[in-house]
Amino acid sequence: MFGPTAVGKSAFCLALAKEIGGEIVNADAVQLYRGFDIGSAKPSCAERERVAHHLVDVADPGMDVTVATYQMLAEAAIGEIERRGRVPIVSGGSGLYVRAALGEWDTFGRPPDPMVRQWVESASLDEVYARALALAPGAAARLSPQDRPRLVRLIERGSERHQTARLPSWEYIKIGLYLPREELYARIDARALTLWPHLVTETRRLLPWGPAAVAMAERTIGYREALRHLRGELGPDEALREVQTRTRRFAKRQLTWWRREPNTIWLRPEEGVRLLQGIV
């Protein structure tokens, strides 16, 4: 299950899980980390009590959960869910993580590439970011242009066209959620307006976690603007507008990524739970 931010994946997955005896496997990079709840639209405690969720709150800020590590955790969770006779529902907006969970990318054992490292030494940050965007636009869009270490690893992994796919050990159905762009953008703006005060409060609570948490907040949409507001660099209205603008741009990049996804059943969020029950 995938789609852009604010399209309604969480509600759809909860309804689908109740219908088909499913459990949800998170494929959102930020939801892996403790403390980053509001900005990542992490499922609430009540939602996690209604339906089992896996790979949520599994790492502290500062821990580097690579895609390879995520893939191992996701495959273990999916296998355990199936052994209990339940249906795994992989859900997220991070294309790299969804494909890793499905076994479509072989991310294991990629050592540092000395040629890439040599080029990076003489390249500017703009050049590094441009190269990462060219090779893996969806994954690079999740990163800050200043996050050189992760951008370098992304370049080393190469483009999605050159990844070595592994045959997954299970069958799956790809479901994509969509909304007309104007409707999606209106949802994004309204959600940001509602959550902004709570996001500022949550960001303030992250500060005592130390430099690692702050560094992660700096490269995450919403938290970065809240940090700048707390430092006095942005007024509340200006910071909110930046959150809305950056989130809309991010959703546009997500849509570009997912439009290329083959063999996908595309649905509006309010459609299809009963239909999918029959398919599954």
C-alpha atoms as a PDB file:
ATOM      1  CA  MET A   1       0.000   0.000   0.000  1.00  0.00           C
ATOM      2  CA  PHE A   2       1.542   3.313  -1.000  1.00  0.00           C
ATOM      3  CA  GLY A   3       0.749   6.849  -2.006  1.00  0.00           C
ATOM      4  CA  PRO A   4       1.687  10.451  -1.261  1.00  0.00           C
ATOM      5  CA  THR A   5       1.604  12.049   2.149  1.00  0.00           C
ATOM      6  CA  ALA A   6      -1.861  13.042   3.448  1.00  0.00           C
ATOM      7  CA  VAL A   7      -3.691  10.866   0.906  1.00  0.00           C
ATOM      8  CA  GLY A   8      -5.245   8.717   3.650  1.00  0.00           C
ATOM      9  CA  LYS A   9      -3.074   5.582   3.767  1.00  0.00           C
ATOM     10  CA  SER A  10      -3.393   5.051   7.523  1.00  0.00           C
ATOM     11  CA  ALA A  11      -7.188   5.069   7.631  1.00  0.00           C
ATOM     12  CA  PHE A  12      -7.403   2.882   4.545  1.00  0.00           C
ATOM     13  CA  CYS A  13      -4.949   0.329   5.935  1.00  0.00           C
ATOM     14  CA  LEU A  14      -6.726   0.197   9.283  1.00  0.00           C
ATOM     15  CA  ALA A  15     -10.066  -0.505   7.575  1.00  0.00           C
ATOM     16  CA  LEU A  16      -8.511  -3.068   5.240  1.00  0.00           C
ATOM     17  CA  ALA A  17      -6.699  -4.827   8.091  1.00  0.00           C
ATOM     18  CA  LYS A  18      -9.942  -5.204  10.039  1.00  0.00           C
ATOM     19  CA  GLU A  19     -11.651  -6.717   6.983  1.00  0.00           C
ATOM     20  CA  ILE A  20      -8.980  -9.247   5.983  1.00  0.00           C
ATOM     21  CA  GLY A  21      -7.259 -10.090   9.284  1.00  0.00           C
ATOM     22  CA  GLY A  22      -4.225  -8.010   8.490  1.00  0.00           C
ATOM     23  CA  GLU A  23      -1.318  -6.461  10.344  1.00  0.00           C
ATOM     24  CA  ILE A  24       0.514  -3.363   9.161  1.00  0.00           C
ATOM     25  CA  VAL A  25       4.243  -3.244   8.409  1.00  0.00           C
ATOM     26  CA  ASN A  26       5.517   0.334   8.388  1.00  0.00           C
ATOM     27  CA  ALA A  27       7.478   1.443   5.311  1.00  0.00           C
ATOM     28  CA  ASP A  28       7.879   5.111   6.257  1.00  0.00           C
ATOM     29  CA  ALA A  29      11.461   6.072   7.054  1.00  0.00           C
ATOM     30  CA  VAL A  30      10.613   8.612   9.776  1.00  0.00           C
ATOM     31  CA  GLN A  31       8.073   6.450  11.619  1.00  0.00           C
ATOM     32  CA  LEU A  32      10.897   4.050  12.455  1.00  0.00           C
ATOM     33  CA  TYR A  33      12.231   6.591  14.970  1.00  0.00           C
ATOM     34  CA  ARG A  34      10.961   7.297  18.470  1.00  0.00           C
ATOM     35  CA  GLY A  35       9.881  10.837  19.225  1.00  0.00           C
ATOM     36  CA  PHE A  36       8.972  11.765  15.635  1.00  0.00           C
ATOM     37  CA  ASP A  37       5.244  11.201  15.904  1.00  0.00           C
ATOM     38  CA  ILE A  38       3.227  14.173  14.692  1.00  0.00           C
ATOM     39  CA  GLY A  39       5.323  15.163  11.697  1.00  0.00           C
ATOM     40  CA  SER A  40       5.397  11.591  10.400  1.00  0.00           C
ATOM     41  CA  ALA A  41       1.653  10.999  10.946  1.00  0.00           C
ATOM     42  CA  LYS A  42       2.573   8.010  13.081  1.00  0.00           C
ATOM     43  CA  PRO A  43      -0.372   5.777  14.075  1.00  0.00           C
ATOM     44  CA  SER A  44      -1.723   6.598  17.511  1.00  0.00           C
ATOM     45  CA  CYS A  45      -1.605   4.236  20.484  1.00  0.00           C
ATOM     46  CA  ALA A  46      -5.334   3.609  20.033  1.00  0.00           C
ATOM     47  CA  GLU A  47      -4.830   2.680  16.372  1.00  0.00           C
ATOM     48  CA  ARG A  48      -1.977   0.352  17.275  1.00  0.00           C
ATOM     49  CA  GLU A  49      -4.234  -1.333  19.821  1.00  0.00           C
ATOM     50  CA  ARG A  50      -6.943  -1.843  17.189  1.00  0.00           C
ATOM     51  CA  VAL A  51      -4.550  -3.303  14.592  1.00  0.00           C
ATOM     52  CA  ALA A  52      -1.018  -4.616  15.149  1.00  0.00           C
ATOM     53  CA  HIS A  53       1.700  -2.398  13.657  1.00  0.00           C
ATOM     54  CA  HIS A  54       5.288  -3.473  13.052  1.00  0.00           C
ATOM     55  CA  LEU A  55       8.510  -1.422  12.639  1.00  0.00           C
ATOM     56  CA  VAL A  56       7.169   1.675  14.356  1.00  0.00           C
ATOM     57  CA  ASP A  57       9.354   3.231  17.102  1.00  0.00           C
ATOM     58  CA  VAL A  58      12.174   0.725  16.634  1.00  0.00           C
ATOM     59  CA  ALA A  59      15.120   3.172  16.725  1.00  0.00           C
ATOM     60  CA  ASP A  60      16.332   6.194  18.639  1.00  0.00           C
ATOM     61  CA  PRO A  61      17.240   9.350  16.704  1.00  0.00           C
ATOM     62  CA  GLY A  62      20.854   9.143  15.628  1.00  0.00           C
ATOM     63  CA  MET A  63      20.716   5.414  14.926  1.00  0.00           C
ATOM     64  CA  ASP A  64      21.345   4.885  11.212  1.00  0.00           C
ATOM     65  CA  VAL A  65      18.672   2.456  10.064  1.00  0.00           C
ATOM     66  CA  THR A  66      19.901   1.703   6.558  1.00  0.00           C
ATOM     67  CA  VAL A  67      17.630   0.355   3.862  1.00  0.00           C
ATOM     68  CA  ALA A  68      19.447  -2.975   4.157  1.00  0.00           C
ATOM     69  CA  THR A  69      18.721  -3.085   7.900  1.00  0.00           C
ATOM     70  CA  TYR A  70      15.117  -2.130   7.269  1.00  0.00           C
ATOM     71  CA  GLN A  71      14.808  -4.873   4.657  1.00  0.00           C
ATOM     72  CA  MET A  72      15.950  -7.531   7.113  1.00  0.00           C
ATOM     73  CA  LEU A  73      13.535  -6.282   9.781  1.00  0.00           C
ATOM     74  CA  ALA A  74      10.641  -6.063   7.315  1.00  0.00           C
ATOM     75  CA  GLU A  75      11.181  -9.530   5.904  1.00  0.00           C
ATOM     76  CA  ALA A  76      11.318 -10.958   9.418  1.00  0.00           C
ATOM     77  CA  ALA A  77       8.077  -9.158  10.368  1.00  0.00           C
ATOM     78  CA  ILE A  78       6.284 -10.259   7.190  1.00  0.00           C
ATOM     79  CA  GLY A  79       7.363 -13.860   7.681  1.00  0.00           C
ATOM     80  CA  GLU A  80       6.235 -13.862  11.314  1.00  0.00           C
ATOM     81  CA  ILE A  81       2.828 -12.390  10.401  1.00  0.00           C
ATOM     82  CA  GLU A  82       2.288 -15.025   7.722  1.00  0.00           C
ATOM     83  CA  ARG A  83       3.284 -17.858  10.050  1.00  0.00           C
ATOM     84  CA  ARG A  84       0.449 -16.804  12.351  1.00  0.00           C
ATOM     85  CA  GLY A  85      -2.022 -16.971   9.477  1.00  0.00           C
ATOM     86  CA  ARG A  86      -2.448 -13.204   9.241  1.00  0.00           C
ATOM     87  CA  VAL A  87      -2.096 -10.941   6.188  1.00  0.00           C
ATOM     88  CA  PRO A  88       0.864  -8.497   6.077  1.00  0.00           C
ATOM     89  CA  ILE A  89       0.025  -5.013   4.788  1.00  0.00           C
ATOM     90  CA  VAL A  90       3.168  -3.050   3.915  1.00  0.00           C
ATOM     91  CA  SER A  91       2.276   0.629   4.045  1.00  0.00           C
ATOM     92  CA  GLY A  92       4.278   3.775   3.494  1.00  0.00           C
ATOM     93  CA  GLY A  93       5.291   6.716   1.404  1.00  0.00           C
ATOM     94  CA  SER A  94       8.991   5.823   1.148  1.00  0.00           C
ATOM     95  CA  GLY A  95       9.383   4.095  -2.199  1.00  0.00           C
ATOM     96  CA  LEU A  96      12.798   2.706  -1.368  1.00  0.00           C
ATOM     97  CA  TYR A  97      11.463   1.071   1.801  1.00  0.00           C
ATOM     98  CA  VAL A  98       8.355  -0.371   0.150  1.00  0.00           C
ATOM     99  CA  ARG A  99      10.443  -1.999  -2.561  1.00  0.00           C
ATOM    100  CA  ALA A 100      12.938  -3.272   0.001  1.00  0.00           C
ATOM    101  CA  ALA A 101      10.146  -4.849   2.070  1.00  0.00           C
ATOM    102  CA  LEU A 102       8.738  -6.563  -1.014  1.00  0.00           C
ATOM    103  CA  GLY A 103      12.156  -7.931  -1.926  1.00  0.00           C
ATOM    104  CA  GLU A 104      12.314  -5.959  -5.163  1.00  0.00           C
ATOM    105  CA  TRP A 105      15.716  -4.475  -4.346  1.00  0.00           C
ATOM    106  CA  ASP A 106      18.814  -6.304  -3.239  1.00  0.00           C
ATOM    107  CA  THR A 107      20.321  -3.902  -0.699  1.00  0.00           C
ATOM    108  CA  PHE A 108      22.544  -6.327   1.163  1.00  0.00           C
ATOM    109  CA  GLY A 109      26.304  -6.093   1.379  1.00  0.00           C
ATOM    110  CA  ARG A 110      27.041  -3.024  -0.718  1.00  0.00           C
ATOM    111  CA  PRO A 111      30.516  -1.851   0.322  1.00  0.00           C
ATOM    112  CA  PRO A 112      31.631   1.766  -0.076  1.00  0.00           C
ATOM    113  CA  ASP A 113      32.571   2.548  -3.669  1.00  0.00           C
ATOM    114  CA  PRO A 114      36.098   4.070  -3.791  1.00  0.00           C
ATOM    115  CA  MET A 115      35.452   5.768  -7.141  1.00  0.00           C
ATOM    116  CA  VAL A 116      32.338   7.466  -5.789  1.00  0.00           C
ATOM    117  CA  ARG A 117      34.184   8.510  -2.619  1.00  0.00           C
ATOM    118  CA  GLN A 118      37.018   9.994  -4.696  1.00  0.00           C
ATOM    119  CA  TRP A 119      34.566  11.995  -6.818  1.00  0.00           C
ATOM    120  CA  VAL A 120      32.714  13.246  -3.731  1.00  0.00           C
ATOM    121  CA  GLU A 121      35.903  14.719  -2.278  1.00  0.00           C
ATOM    122  CA  SER A 122      36.053  17.269  -5.102  1.00  0.00           C
ATOM    123  CA  ALA A 123      32.308  17.712  -5.668  1.00  0.00           C
ATOM    124  CA  SER A 124      30.134  20.433  -4.180  1.00  0.00           C
ATOM    125  CA  LEU A 125      27.048  19.676  -2.123  1.00  0.00           C
ATOM    126  CA  ASP A 126      24.878  20.834  -5.025  1.00  0.00           C
ATOM    127  CA  GLU A 127      26.641  18.405  -7.369  1.00  0.00           C
ATOM    128  CA  VAL A 128      26.262  15.531  -4.919  1.00  0.00           C
ATOM    129  CA  TYR A 129      22.564  16.244  -4.427  1.00  0.00           C
ATOM    130  CA  ALA A 130      21.972  16.592  -8.182  1.00  0.00           C
ATOM    131  CA  ARG A 131      23.674  13.237  -8.791  1.00  0.00           C
ATOM    132  CA  ALA A 132      21.574  11.527  -6.106  1.00  0.00           C
ATOM    133  CA  LEU A 133      18.379  13.018  -7.558  1.00  0.00           C
ATOM    134  CA  ALA A 134      19.325  11.768 -11.012  1.00  0.00           C
ATOM    135  CA  LEU A 135      19.974   8.225  -9.779  1.00  0.00           C
ATOM    136  CA  ALA A 136      17.159   7.790  -7.263  1.00  0.00           C
ATOM    137  CA  PRO A 137      14.791  10.783  -7.256  1.00  0.00           C
ATOM    138  CA  GLY A 138      12.298   9.382  -4.769  1.00  0.00           C
ATOM    139  CA  ALA A 139      14.898   8.441  -2.184  1.00  0.00           C
ATOM    140  CA  ALA A 140      16.950  11.613  -2.643  1.00  0.00           C
ATOM    141  CA  ALA A 141      13.843  13.727  -2.177  1.00  0.00           C
ATOM    142  CA  ARG A 142      13.579  12.374   1.378  1.00  0.00           C
ATOM    143  CA  LEU A 143      17.024  13.745   2.219  1.00  0.00           C
ATOM    144  CA  SER A 144      18.315  17.214   2.909  1.00  0.00           C
ATOM    145  CA  PRO A 145      20.670  18.606   0.232  1.00  0.00           C
ATOM    146  CA  GLN A 146      23.133  19.069   3.118  1.00  0.00           C
ATOM    147  CA  ASP A 147      23.016  15.412   4.221  1.00  0.00           C
ATOM    148  CA  ARG A 148      26.217  14.428   2.404  1.00  0.00           C
ATOM    149  CA  PRO A 149      26.811  10.998   4.064  1.00  0.00           C
ATOM    150  CA  ARG A 150      23.390   9.608   3.175  1.00  0.00           C
ATOM    151  CA  LEU A 151      23.487  11.145  -0.297  1.00  0.00           C
ATOM    152  CA  VAL A 152      26.820   9.441  -0.915  1.00  0.00           C
ATOM    153  CA  ARG A 153      25.437   6.057   0.147  1.00  0.00           C
ATOM    154  CA  LEU A 154      22.447   6.625  -2.124  1.00  0.00           C
ATOM    155  CA  ILE A 155      24.759   7.315  -5.068  1.00  0.00           C
ATOM    156  CA  GLU A 156      26.771   4.203  -4.227  1.00  0.00           C
ATOM    157  CA  ARG A 157      23.654   2.055  -4.353  1.00  0.00           C
ATOM    158  CA  GLY A 158      23.052   3.342  -7.875  1.00  0.00           C
ATOM    159  CA  SER A 159      19.818   3.936  -9.708  1.00  0.00           C
ATOM    160  CA  GLU A 160      16.705   1.840  -9.395  1.00  0.00           C
ATOM    161  CA  ARG A 161      17.267   0.712 -12.984  1.00  0.00           C
ATOM    162  CA  HIS A 162      20.522  -0.976 -11.965  1.00  0.00           C
ATOM    163  CA  GLN A 163      19.460  -2.526  -8.680  1.00  0.00           C
ATOM    164  CA  THR A 164      19.613  -6.308  -8.604  1.00  0.00           C
ATOM    165  CA  ALA A 165      16.148  -7.612  -7.793  1.00  0.00           C
ATOM    166  CA  ARG A 166      15.709 -10.681  -5.624  1.00  0.00           C
ATOM    167  CA  LEU A 167      12.713 -12.916  -6.090  1.00  0.00           C
ATOM    168  CA  PRO A 168      10.442 -12.372  -3.068  1.00  0.00           C
ATOM    169  CA  SER A 169       9.315 -15.406  -1.134  1.00  0.00           C
ATOM    170  CA  TRP A 170       5.647 -14.341  -1.178  1.00  0.00           C
ATOM    171  CA  GLU A 171       2.999 -13.112  -3.562  1.00  0.00           C
ATOM    172  CA  TYR A 172       1.667  -9.596  -3.117  1.00  0.00           C
ATOM    173  CA  ILE A 173      -0.725  -7.047  -4.536  1.00  0.00           C
ATOM    174  CA  LYS A 174       0.343  -3.423  -5.034  1.00  0.00           C
ATOM    175  CA  ILE A 175      -2.303  -0.867  -4.082  1.00  0.00           C
ATOM    176  CA  GLY A 176      -1.746   2.825  -4.730  1.00  0.00           C
ATOM    177  CA  LEU A 177      -3.916   5.595  -3.304  1.00  0.00           C
ATOM    178  CA  TYR A 178      -4.400   8.813  -5.218  1.00  0.00           C
ATOM    179  CA  LEU A 179      -6.336  12.070  -5.142  1.00  0.00           C
ATOM    180  CA  PRO A 180      -6.536  14.890  -7.695  1.00  0.00           C
ATOM    181  CA  ARG A 181      -3.608  17.189  -7.015  1.00  0.00           C
ATOM    182  CA  GLU A 182      -5.744  20.155  -5.926  1.00  0.00           C
ATOM    183  CA  GLU A 183      -7.617  18.000  -3.417  1.00  0.00           C
ATOM    184  CA  LEU A 184      -4.405  16.472  -2.108  1.00  0.00           C
ATOM    185  CA  TYR A 185      -2.758  19.890  -1.689  1.00  0.00           C
ATOM    186  CA  ALA A 186      -5.818  21.185   0.161  1.00  0.00           C
ATOM    187  CA  ARG A 187      -5.549  18.236   2.568  1.00  0.00           C
ATOM    188  CA  ILE A 188      -1.852  18.896   3.078  1.00  0.00           C
ATOM    189  CA  ASP A 189      -2.427  22.571   3.895  1.00  0.00           C
ATOM    190  CA  ALA A 190      -5.318  21.831   6.254  1.00  0.00           C
ATOM    191  CA  ARG A 191      -3.398  19.109   8.080  1.00  0.00           C
ATOM    192  CA  ALA A 192      -0.362  21.340   8.513  1.00  0.00           C
ATOM    193  CA  LEU A 193      -2.541  24.127   9.925  1.00  0.00           C
ATOM    194  CA  THR A 194      -4.124  21.742  12.443  1.00  0.00           C
ATOM    195  CA  LEU A 195      -0.902  20.054  13.522  1.00  0.00           C
ATOM    196  CA  TRP A 196       1.475  23.020  13.566  1.00  0.00           C
ATOM    197  CA  PRO A 197       1.114  23.969  17.292  1.00  0.00           C
ATOM    198  CA  HIS A 198       1.519  20.321  18.314  1.00  0.00           C
ATOM    199  CA  LEU A 199       4.512  19.925  16.001  1.00  0.00           C
ATOM    200  CA  VAL A 200       6.257  22.857  17.660  1.00  0.00           C
ATOM    201  CA  THR A 201       5.596  21.323  21.084  1.00  0.00           C
ATOM    202  CA  GLU A 202       6.916  17.940  19.971  1.00  0.00           C
ATOM    203  CA  THR A 203      10.028  19.512  18.421  1.00  0.00           C
ATOM    204  CA  ARG A 204      10.734  21.321  21.700  1.00  0.00           C
ATOM    205  CA  ARG A 205      10.550  17.952  23.472  1.00  0.00           C
ATOM    206  CA  LEU A 206      13.118  16.521  21.069  1.00  0.00           C
ATOM    207  CA  LEU A 207      15.815  19.044  22.030  1.00  0.00           C
ATOM    208  CA  PRO A 208      16.869  17.260  25.265  1.00  0.00           C
ATOM    209  CA  TRP A 209      17.485  14.099  23.233  1.00  0.00           C
ATOM    210  CA  GLY A 210      20.705  15.737  22.092  1.00  0.00           C
ATOM    211  CA  PRO A 211      22.524  16.562  18.842  1.00  0.00           C
ATOM    212  CA  ALA A 212      21.484  13.373  17.036  1.00  0.00           C
ATOM    213  CA  ALA A 213      17.781  14.161  17.442  1.00  0.00           C
ATOM    214  CA  VAL A 214      18.308  17.777  16.410  1.00  0.00           C
ATOM    215  CA  ALA A 215      20.277  16.690  13.338  1.00  0.00           C
ATOM    216  CA  MET A 216      17.457  14.373  12.306  1.00  0.00           C
ATOM    217  CA  ALA A 217      14.890  17.112  12.887  1.00  0.00           C
ATOM    218  CA  GLU A 218      16.944  19.450  10.688  1.00  0.00           C
ATOM    219  CA  ARG A 219      16.487  17.175   7.676  1.00  0.00           C
ATOM    220  CA  THR A 220      12.812  16.283   8.235  1.00  0.00           C
ATOM    221  CA  ILE A 221       9.933  18.333   6.842  1.00  0.00           C
ATOM    222  CA  GLY A 222       7.969  20.081   9.564  1.00  0.00           C
ATOM    223  CA  TYR A 223      10.548  19.605  12.300  1.00  0.00           C
ATOM    224  CA  ARG A 224      13.093  21.718  10.453  1.00  0.00           C
ATOM    225  CA  GLU A 225      10.654  24.623  10.236  1.00  0.00           C
ATOM    226  CA  ALA A 226       9.652  24.159  13.883  1.00  0.00           C
ATOM    227  CA  LEU A 227      13.322  24.307  14.893  1.00  0.00           C
ATOM    228  CA  ARG A 228      13.825  27.505  12.914  1.00  0.00           C
ATOM    229  CA  HIS A 229      10.738  28.968  14.597  1.00  0.00           C
ATOM    230  CA  LEU A 230      12.006  27.999  18.061  1.00  0.00           C
ATOM    231  CA  ARG A 231      15.331  29.670  17.262  1.00  0.00           C
ATOM    232  CA  GLY A 232      13.560  32.865  16.240  1.00  0.00           C
ATOM    233  CA  GLU A 233      14.544  32.534  12.577  1.00  0.00           C
ATOM    234  CA  LEU A 234      10.934  32.236  11.351  1.00  0.00           C
ATOM    235  CA  GLY A 235       7.679  33.657  12.635  1.00  0.00           C
ATOM    236  CA  PRO A 236       4.828  31.184  13.202  1.00  0.00           C
ATOM    237  CA  ASP A 237       2.921  32.103  10.033  1.00  0.00           C
ATOM    238  CA  GLU A 238       6.041  32.051   7.861  1.00  0.00           C
ATOM    239  CA  ALA A 239       7.128  28.702   9.320  1.00  0.00           C
ATOM    240  CA  LEU A 240       3.677  27.196   8.719  1.00  0.00           C
ATOM    241  CA  ARG A 241       3.702  28.371   5.092  1.00  0.00           C
ATOM    242  CA  GLU A 242       7.110  26.741   4.624  1.00  0.00           C
ATOM    243  CA  VAL A 243       5.824  23.455   6.023  1.00  0.00           C
ATOM    244  CA  GLN A 244       2.881  23.551   3.634  1.00  0.00           C
ATOM    245  CA  THR A 245       5.037  24.456   0.630  1.00  0.00           C
ATOM    246  CA  ARG A 246       7.722  21.842   1.299  1.00  0.00           C
ATOM    247  CA  THR A 247       5.114  19.149   1.984  1.00  0.00           C
ATOM    248  CA  ARG A 248       3.315  19.876  -1.287  1.00  0.00           C
ATOM    249  CA  ARG A 249       6.611  19.659  -3.161  1.00  0.00           C
ATOM    250  CA  PHE A 250       7.414  16.404  -1.409  1.00  0.00           C
ATOM    251  CA  ALA A 251       3.994  14.972  -2.347  1.00  0.00           C
ATOM    252  CA  LYS A 252       4.624  15.945  -5.971  1.00  0.00           C
ATOM    253  CA  ARG A 253       7.937  14.051  -5.925  1.00  0.00           C
ATOM    254  CA  GLN A 254       6.228  11.049  -4.358  1.00  0.00           C
ATOM    255  CA  LEU A 255       3.586  11.062  -7.102  1.00  0.00           C
ATOM    256  CA  THR A 256       6.307  11.182  -9.735  1.00  0.00           C
ATOM    257  CA  TRP A 257       7.977   8.167  -8.122  1.00  0.00           C
ATOM    258  CA  TRP A 258       4.807   6.093  -7.745  1.00  0.00           C
ATOM    259  CA  ARG A 259       3.467   6.795 -11.233  1.00  0.00           C
ATOM    260  CA  ARG A 260       6.256   4.587 -12.564  1.00  0.00           C
ATOM    261  CA  GLU A 261       5.293   1.669 -10.302  1.00  0.00           C
ATOM    262  CA  PRO A 262       4.098  -1.263 -12.471  1.00  0.00           C
ATOM    263  CA  ASN A 263       1.236  -3.676 -11.757  1.00  0.00           C
ATOM    264  CA  THR A 264      -0.524  -1.332  -9.347  1.00  0.00           C
ATOM    265  CA  ILE A 265      -4.229  -1.160  -8.493  1.00  0.00           C
ATOM    266  CA  TRP A 266      -4.969   2.568  -8.139  1.00  0.00           C
ATOM    267  CA  LEU A 267      -7.835   3.626  -5.881  1.00  0.00           C
ATOM    268  CA  ARG A 268      -9.182   6.727  -4.250  1.00  0.00           C
ATOM    269  CA  PRO A 269      -8.965   6.444  -0.426  1.00  0.00           C
ATOM    270  CA  GLU A 270     -12.715   6.051  -0.003  1.00  0.00           C
ATOM    271  CA  GLU A 271     -12.896   3.248  -2.553  1.00  0.00           C
ATOM    272  CA  GLY A 272     -12.329  -0.396  -2.539  1.00  0.00           C
ATOM    273  CA  VAL A 273     -11.896  -1.943   0.943  1.00  0.00           C
ATOM    274  CA  ARG A 274     -14.689  -4.419   0.194  1.00  0.00           C
ATOM    275  CA  LEU A 275     -13.358  -4.906  -3.344  1.00  0.00           C
ATOM    276  CA  LEU A 276      -9.871  -5.593  -2.044  1.00  0.00           C
ATOM    277  CA  GLN A 277     -11.231  -8.055   0.529  1.00  0.00           C
ATOM    278  CA  GLY A 278     -12.379 -10.233  -2.364  1.00  0.00           C
ATOM    279  CA  ILE A 279      -9.104  -9.850  -4.263  1.00  0.00           C
ATOM    280  CA  VAL A 280      -6.959 -10.712  -1.255  1.00  0.00           C
END
